[in-house]
């Protein structure tokens, strides 16, 4: 089950002109969608709507990663001061997800992913506690 993510969808969502960054987008599609294909919970019976929702989530995550990559490029977040005019990028942006698309896509994808197993014998948490045991008197 491979998600339907195209370069054109990512370019449209990220707001970049078509024909630009095609190789980077193709690389990001492969890098992001393949692990999520394996991470989907096999116990869920996925219908067409859920599959389309997960495909949209992958498109959002790929577009968000592209925008984050563009944000980290030299010159993108530069400041310009000229006389009494100052032009600066918005300082409240998270450099790892400046558009918020990665978080939005992850929020859409989260209900369909495998979750950590309940704690059992093999993955029990062990904690050291100082003090005496009750039967140590």
N, C-alpha and C. Protein backbone atom coordinates (compact mmCIF):
# COMPACT_ATOMS: atom_id res chain seq x y z
N UNK A 1 0.84 -1.16 0.00
CA UNK A 1 0.00 0.00 0.00
C UNK A 1 0.90 1.24 0.00
N UNK A 2 1.07 1.84 -1.14
CA UNK A 2 1.86 3.07 -1.25
C UNK A 2 0.91 4.27 -1.31
N UNK A 3 1.29 5.32 -0.63
CA UNK A 3 0.44 6.50 -0.61
C UNK A 3 0.54 7.26 -1.93
N UNK A 4 -0.54 7.94 -2.30
CA UNK A 4 -0.57 8.71 -3.54
C UNK A 4 -0.05 10.12 -3.26
N UNK A 5 1.22 10.33 -3.50
CA UNK A 5 1.85 11.63 -3.31
C UNK A 5 2.57 11.97 -4.60
N UNK A 6 2.19 13.09 -5.21
CA UNK A 6 2.84 13.51 -6.46
C UNK A 6 3.62 14.79 -6.24
N UNK A 7 4.55 15.03 -7.14
CA UNK A 7 5.37 16.24 -7.08
C UNK A 7 4.48 17.47 -7.26
N UNK A 8 3.48 17.39 -8.14
CA UNK A 8 2.60 18.53 -8.39
C UNK A 8 1.79 18.91 -7.16
N UNK A 9 1.32 17.90 -6.41
CA UNK A 9 0.57 18.18 -5.18
C UNK A 9 1.44 18.91 -4.16
N UNK A 10 2.67 18.45 -4.02
CA UNK A 10 3.58 19.06 -3.05
C UNK A 10 3.93 20.48 -3.46
N UNK A 11 4.18 20.68 -4.76
CA UNK A 11 4.50 22.03 -5.23
C UNK A 11 3.34 22.99 -5.00
N UNK A 12 2.13 22.53 -5.25
CA UNK A 12 0.96 23.38 -5.06
C UNK A 12 0.77 23.72 -3.59
N UNK A 13 0.91 22.75 -2.70
CA UNK A 13 0.70 22.99 -1.28
C UNK A 13 1.82 23.85 -0.69
N UNK A 14 3.05 23.66 -1.16
CA UNK A 14 4.18 24.42 -0.63
C UNK A 14 4.25 25.82 -1.24
N UNK A 15 3.53 26.05 -2.33
CA UNK A 15 3.53 27.36 -2.94
C UNK A 15 4.75 27.64 -3.80
N UNK A 16 5.36 26.61 -4.34
CA UNK A 16 6.51 26.81 -5.22
C UNK A 16 6.04 26.61 -6.66
N UNK A 17 6.66 27.29 -7.63
CA UNK A 17 6.24 27.14 -9.02
C UNK A 17 6.49 25.73 -9.54
N UNK A 18 5.62 25.27 -10.42
CA UNK A 18 5.80 23.92 -10.97
C UNK A 18 7.08 23.87 -11.79
N UNK A 19 7.74 22.74 -11.72
CA UNK A 19 9.00 22.57 -12.44
C UNK A 19 10.21 22.92 -11.60
N UNK A 20 10.01 23.45 -10.40
CA UNK A 20 11.15 23.78 -9.54
C UNK A 20 11.25 22.77 -8.41
N UNK A 21 12.44 22.45 -8.03
CA UNK A 21 12.74 21.55 -6.92
C UNK A 21 12.18 20.14 -7.13
N UNK A 22 12.07 19.71 -8.37
CA UNK A 22 11.49 18.39 -8.65
C UNK A 22 12.30 17.26 -8.03
N UNK A 23 13.63 17.32 -8.14
CA UNK A 23 14.45 16.23 -7.60
C UNK A 23 14.41 16.21 -6.08
N UNK A 24 14.42 17.39 -5.46
CA UNK A 24 14.34 17.44 -4.00
C UNK A 24 13.00 16.90 -3.51
N UNK A 25 11.94 17.26 -4.22
CA UNK A 25 10.60 16.80 -3.82
C UNK A 25 10.49 15.29 -4.00
N UNK A 26 11.00 14.76 -5.09
CA UNK A 26 10.96 13.30 -5.31
C UNK A 26 11.73 12.57 -4.21
N UNK A 27 12.88 13.13 -3.84
CA UNK A 27 13.67 12.53 -2.75
C UNK A 27 12.89 12.56 -1.44
N UNK A 28 12.25 13.70 -1.13
CA UNK A 28 11.49 13.82 0.11
C UNK A 28 10.29 12.89 0.12
N UNK A 29 9.65 12.71 -1.03
CA UNK A 29 8.51 11.79 -1.11
C UNK A 29 8.95 10.39 -0.73
N UNK A 30 10.06 9.95 -1.29
CA UNK A 30 10.57 8.62 -0.98
C UNK A 30 11.00 8.52 0.48
N UNK A 31 11.67 9.56 0.96
CA UNK A 31 12.19 9.56 2.32
C UNK A 31 11.09 9.54 3.37
N UNK A 32 9.98 10.22 3.12
CA UNK A 32 8.94 10.36 4.13
C UNK A 32 7.85 9.30 3.99
N UNK A 33 7.43 8.98 2.78
CA UNK A 33 6.28 8.09 2.64
C UNK A 33 6.60 6.62 2.92
N UNK A 34 7.80 6.16 2.59
CA UNK A 34 8.10 4.74 2.79
C UNK A 34 8.05 4.32 4.27
N UNK A 35 8.65 5.07 5.20
CA UNK A 35 8.53 4.66 6.60
C UNK A 35 7.09 4.70 7.12
N UNK A 36 6.32 5.67 6.67
CA UNK A 36 4.93 5.75 7.13
C UNK A 36 4.08 4.64 6.54
N UNK A 37 4.44 4.15 5.37
CA UNK A 37 3.73 3.01 4.81
C UNK A 37 3.90 1.79 5.72
N UNK A 38 5.09 1.63 6.26
CA UNK A 38 5.35 0.50 7.16
C UNK A 38 4.80 0.72 8.56
N UNK A 39 4.58 1.98 8.94
CA UNK A 39 4.16 2.29 10.30
C UNK A 39 2.65 2.25 10.49
N UNK A 40 1.89 2.05 9.41
CA UNK A 40 0.44 2.01 9.53
C UNK A 40 0.04 0.73 10.26
N UNK A 41 -0.88 0.85 11.19
CA UNK A 41 -1.34 -0.27 11.99
C UNK A 41 -2.07 -1.28 11.11
N UNK A 42 -1.57 -2.51 10.99
CA UNK A 42 -2.22 -3.49 10.12
C UNK A 42 -3.56 -3.98 10.66
N UNK A 43 -3.83 -3.73 11.93
CA UNK A 43 -5.10 -4.18 12.51
C UNK A 43 -6.27 -3.31 12.06
N UNK A 44 -5.98 -2.13 11.53
CA UNK A 44 -7.05 -1.26 11.07
C UNK A 44 -7.54 -1.68 9.69
N UNK A 45 -8.84 -1.70 9.51
CA UNK A 45 -9.41 -1.96 8.20
C UNK A 45 -9.55 -0.61 7.50
N UNK A 46 -8.66 -0.34 6.57
CA UNK A 46 -8.62 0.98 5.95
C UNK A 46 -9.52 1.01 4.71
N UNK A 47 -10.45 1.94 4.71
CA UNK A 47 -11.28 2.13 3.54
C UNK A 47 -10.64 3.20 2.66
N UNK A 48 -11.31 3.55 1.58
CA UNK A 48 -10.76 4.53 0.65
C UNK A 48 -10.59 5.91 1.26
N UNK A 49 -11.52 6.31 2.14
CA UNK A 49 -11.43 7.62 2.77
C UNK A 49 -10.25 7.73 3.70
N UNK A 50 -9.99 6.69 4.47
CA UNK A 50 -8.84 6.70 5.38
C UNK A 50 -7.53 6.71 4.60
N UNK A 51 -7.50 5.96 3.49
CA UNK A 51 -6.30 5.94 2.67
C UNK A 51 -6.04 7.32 2.05
N UNK A 52 -7.09 8.00 1.61
CA UNK A 52 -6.93 9.34 1.05
C UNK A 52 -6.49 10.33 2.14
N UNK A 53 -7.00 10.15 3.35
CA UNK A 53 -6.60 11.01 4.46
C UNK A 53 -5.11 10.83 4.76
N UNK A 54 -4.63 9.59 4.74
CA UNK A 54 -3.21 9.35 5.00
C UNK A 54 -2.35 9.86 3.85
N UNK A 55 -2.85 9.77 2.62
CA UNK A 55 -2.11 10.33 1.48
C UNK A 55 -2.00 11.84 1.61
N UNK A 56 -3.10 12.50 2.03
CA UNK A 56 -3.06 13.95 2.25
C UNK A 56 -2.08 14.30 3.36
N UNK A 57 -2.04 13.49 4.41
CA UNK A 57 -1.10 13.72 5.50
C UNK A 57 0.34 13.63 5.00
N UNK A 58 0.62 12.67 4.13
CA UNK A 58 1.97 12.55 3.57
C UNK A 58 2.31 13.74 2.68
N UNK A 59 1.34 14.21 1.90
CA UNK A 59 1.57 15.39 1.06
C UNK A 59 1.91 16.59 1.96
N UNK A 60 1.17 16.75 3.06
CA UNK A 60 1.42 17.86 3.96
C UNK A 60 2.79 17.75 4.62
N UNK A 61 3.18 16.55 5.01
CA UNK A 61 4.49 16.39 5.65
C UNK A 61 5.62 16.65 4.67
N UNK A 62 5.47 16.20 3.43
CA UNK A 62 6.51 16.44 2.42
C UNK A 62 6.59 17.93 2.10
N UNK A 63 5.44 18.59 1.94
CA UNK A 63 5.44 20.02 1.65
C UNK A 63 6.02 20.80 2.83
N UNK A 64 5.70 20.40 4.04
CA UNK A 64 6.26 21.07 5.21
C UNK A 64 7.76 20.91 5.31
N UNK A 65 8.26 19.73 4.96
CA UNK A 65 9.71 19.52 4.97
C UNK A 65 10.38 20.34 3.87
N UNK A 66 9.73 20.48 2.72
CA UNK A 66 10.28 21.31 1.64
C UNK A 66 10.34 22.77 2.07
N UNK A 67 9.29 23.27 2.70
CA UNK A 67 9.29 24.66 3.17
C UNK A 67 10.36 24.86 4.24
N UNK A 68 10.53 23.88 5.12
CA UNK A 68 11.58 23.98 6.15
C UNK A 68 12.96 23.98 5.51
N UNK A 69 13.14 23.19 4.46
CA UNK A 69 14.42 23.17 3.75
C UNK A 69 14.68 24.51 3.08
N UNK A 70 13.64 25.08 2.47
CA UNK A 70 13.79 26.39 1.84
C UNK A 70 14.08 27.47 2.88
N UNK A 71 13.47 27.35 4.05
CA UNK A 71 13.67 28.32 5.12
C UNK A 71 15.11 28.31 5.62
N UNK A 72 15.75 27.14 5.56
CA UNK A 72 17.14 27.03 6.04
C UNK A 72 18.16 27.44 4.98
N UNK A 73 17.72 27.73 3.76
CA UNK A 73 18.64 28.13 2.70
C UNK A 73 19.20 29.52 2.98
N UNK A 74 20.46 29.77 2.60
CA UNK A 74 21.04 31.10 2.82
C UNK A 74 20.24 32.17 2.06
N UNK A 75 19.99 33.25 2.77
CA UNK A 75 19.28 34.38 2.16
C UNK A 75 17.79 34.38 2.40
N UNK A 76 17.23 33.26 2.83
CA UNK A 76 15.78 33.20 2.99
C UNK A 76 15.32 33.98 4.22
N UNK A 77 16.06 33.88 5.29
CA UNK A 77 15.67 34.53 6.54
C UNK A 77 16.59 35.71 6.86
N UNK A 78 17.14 36.35 5.84
CA UNK A 78 18.01 37.49 6.07
C UNK A 78 17.21 38.71 6.45
N UNK A 79 17.89 39.63 7.11
CA UNK A 79 17.27 40.89 7.50
C UNK A 79 17.81 42.00 6.63
N UNK A 80 16.99 43.01 6.41
CA UNK A 80 17.39 44.15 5.60
C UNK A 80 17.08 45.42 6.38
N UNK A 81 18.08 46.24 6.59
CA UNK A 81 17.91 47.53 7.26
C UNK A 81 18.37 48.61 6.30
N UNK A 82 17.47 49.56 6.01
CA UNK A 82 17.81 50.66 5.12
C UNK A 82 17.20 51.92 5.71
N UNK A 83 18.05 52.81 6.14
CA UNK A 83 17.63 54.05 6.79
C UNK A 83 16.74 53.72 7.98
N UNK A 84 15.47 54.08 7.93
CA UNK A 84 14.58 53.81 9.05
C UNK A 84 13.63 52.66 8.76
N UNK A 85 13.88 51.94 7.70
CA UNK A 85 13.02 50.81 7.32
C UNK A 85 13.76 49.52 7.62
N UNK A 86 13.09 48.62 8.27
CA UNK A 86 13.65 47.33 8.62
C UNK A 86 12.73 46.22 8.11
N UNK A 87 13.29 45.25 7.40
CA UNK A 87 12.53 44.11 6.91
C UNK A 87 13.15 42.86 7.51
N UNK A 88 12.35 42.15 8.31
CA UNK A 88 12.82 40.94 8.97
C UNK A 88 11.78 39.85 8.83
N UNK A 89 12.22 38.60 8.80
CA UNK A 89 11.24 37.51 8.79
C UNK A 89 10.55 37.43 10.15
N UNK A 90 9.40 36.81 10.15
CA UNK A 90 8.65 36.64 11.40
C UNK A 90 9.48 35.80 12.35
N UNK A 91 9.72 36.31 13.55
CA UNK A 91 10.63 35.66 14.49
C UNK A 91 9.99 34.47 15.20
N UNK A 92 8.68 34.35 15.17
CA UNK A 92 8.03 33.28 15.91
C UNK A 92 7.98 31.95 15.18
N UNK A 93 8.62 31.85 14.04
CA UNK A 93 8.57 30.61 13.27
C UNK A 93 9.51 29.56 13.83
N UNK A 94 9.06 28.34 13.83
CA UNK A 94 9.89 27.21 14.20
C UNK A 94 10.73 26.85 12.98
N UNK A 95 12.04 26.90 13.03
CA UNK A 95 12.84 26.60 11.85
C UNK A 95 12.69 25.17 11.34
N UNK A 96 12.24 24.26 12.21
CA UNK A 96 12.02 22.88 11.77
C UNK A 96 10.67 22.69 11.08
N UNK A 97 9.74 23.60 11.32
CA UNK A 97 8.41 23.52 10.70
C UNK A 97 7.82 24.93 10.57
N UNK A 98 8.40 25.77 9.71
CA UNK A 98 7.94 27.16 9.65
C UNK A 98 6.51 27.31 9.13
N UNK A 99 6.04 26.39 8.32
CA UNK A 99 4.69 26.51 7.77
C UNK A 99 3.64 25.83 8.64
N UNK A 100 4.06 24.94 9.53
CA UNK A 100 3.12 24.17 10.34
C UNK A 100 2.53 22.98 9.61
N UNK A 101 2.95 22.74 8.37
CA UNK A 101 2.39 21.63 7.59
C UNK A 101 2.83 20.27 8.10
N UNK A 102 4.06 20.17 8.59
CA UNK A 102 4.52 18.87 9.10
C UNK A 102 3.70 18.45 10.31
N UNK A 103 3.45 19.38 11.22
CA UNK A 103 2.66 19.07 12.40
C UNK A 103 1.21 18.74 12.02
N UNK A 104 0.69 19.46 11.05
CA UNK A 104 -0.68 19.18 10.60
C UNK A 104 -0.79 17.80 9.97
N UNK A 105 0.18 17.44 9.14
CA UNK A 105 0.18 16.12 8.52
C UNK A 105 0.37 15.01 9.54
N UNK A 106 1.23 15.24 10.52
CA UNK A 106 1.43 14.24 11.56
C UNK A 106 0.18 14.06 12.40
N UNK A 107 -0.53 15.16 12.63
CA UNK A 107 -1.79 15.07 13.36
C UNK A 107 -2.84 14.25 12.62
N UNK A 108 -2.86 14.37 11.30
CA UNK A 108 -3.79 13.57 10.49
C UNK A 108 -3.39 12.10 10.47
N UNK A 109 -2.10 11.83 10.46
CA UNK A 109 -1.59 10.47 10.32
C UNK A 109 -1.62 9.70 11.64
N UNK A 110 -1.52 10.41 12.75
CA UNK A 110 -1.33 9.77 14.06
C UNK A 110 -2.37 8.69 14.40
N UNK A 111 -3.67 8.87 14.15
CA UNK A 111 -4.63 7.82 14.54
C UNK A 111 -4.44 6.50 13.80
N UNK A 112 -3.76 6.52 12.68
CA UNK A 112 -3.61 5.31 11.86
C UNK A 112 -2.30 4.58 12.09
N UNK A 113 -1.43 5.12 12.94
CA UNK A 113 -0.10 4.53 13.14
C UNK A 113 -0.13 3.50 14.26
N UNK A 114 0.84 2.60 14.20
CA UNK A 114 1.04 1.64 15.29
C UNK A 114 1.48 2.41 16.52
N UNK A 115 1.01 1.99 17.65
CA UNK A 115 1.39 2.64 18.90
C UNK A 115 2.25 1.69 19.70
N UNK A 116 2.93 2.23 20.68
CA UNK A 116 3.81 1.41 21.50
C UNK A 116 2.98 0.36 22.22
N UNK A 117 3.53 -0.83 22.35
CA UNK A 117 2.76 -1.88 23.05
C UNK A 117 2.62 -1.58 24.53
N UNK A 118 1.62 -2.18 25.11
CA UNK A 118 1.44 -2.03 26.55
C UNK A 118 2.62 -2.67 27.27
N UNK A 119 2.90 -2.19 28.43
CA UNK A 119 4.04 -2.71 29.15
C UNK A 119 3.77 -4.13 29.63
N UNK A 120 4.72 -4.97 29.38
CA UNK A 120 4.60 -6.35 29.78
C UNK A 120 5.88 -6.81 30.42
N UNK A 121 6.12 -8.10 30.35
CA UNK A 121 7.29 -8.67 30.99
C UNK A 121 8.58 -8.21 30.31
N UNK A 122 8.58 -8.15 28.98
CA UNK A 122 9.82 -7.85 28.28
C UNK A 122 10.12 -6.36 28.20
N UNK A 123 9.12 -5.51 28.31
CA UNK A 123 9.39 -4.09 28.21
C UNK A 123 8.93 -3.33 29.46
N UNK A 124 9.10 -3.95 30.62
CA UNK A 124 8.69 -3.33 31.88
C UNK A 124 9.70 -2.26 32.26
N UNK A 125 9.22 -1.24 32.91
CA UNK A 125 10.11 -0.19 33.40
C UNK A 125 10.66 -0.61 34.76
N UNK A 126 11.93 -0.37 34.93
CA UNK A 126 12.59 -0.72 36.18
C UNK A 126 13.08 0.58 36.80
N UNK A 127 12.75 0.79 38.04
CA UNK A 127 13.15 2.00 38.73
C UNK A 127 13.85 1.62 40.03
N UNK A 128 14.92 2.33 40.31
CA UNK A 128 15.64 2.13 41.57
C UNK A 128 15.08 3.10 42.59
N UNK A 129 14.71 2.56 43.74
CA UNK A 129 14.14 3.37 44.81
C UNK A 129 15.03 3.23 46.02
N UNK A 130 15.37 4.34 46.62
CA UNK A 130 16.20 4.27 47.82
C UNK A 130 15.33 4.01 49.04
N UNK A 131 15.92 3.44 50.04
CA UNK A 131 15.19 3.16 51.27
C UNK A 131 15.21 1.68 51.59
N UNK A 132 14.41 1.29 52.59
CA UNK A 132 14.35 -0.09 53.00
C UNK A 132 13.08 -0.75 52.48
N UNK A 133 13.18 -2.04 52.28
CA UNK A 133 12.00 -2.80 51.93
C UNK A 133 11.17 -3.00 53.19
N UNK A 134 9.91 -3.32 53.01
CA UNK A 134 9.02 -3.49 54.16
C UNK A 134 9.41 -4.69 55.01
N UNK A 135 9.89 -5.76 54.39
CA UNK A 135 10.22 -6.97 55.14
C UNK A 135 11.66 -6.93 55.66
N UNK A 136 12.39 -5.84 55.45
CA UNK A 136 13.76 -5.69 55.92
C UNK A 136 13.76 -4.98 57.28
N UNK A 137 13.51 -5.68 58.33
CA UNK A 137 13.44 -5.02 59.62
C UNK A 137 14.36 -5.63 60.61
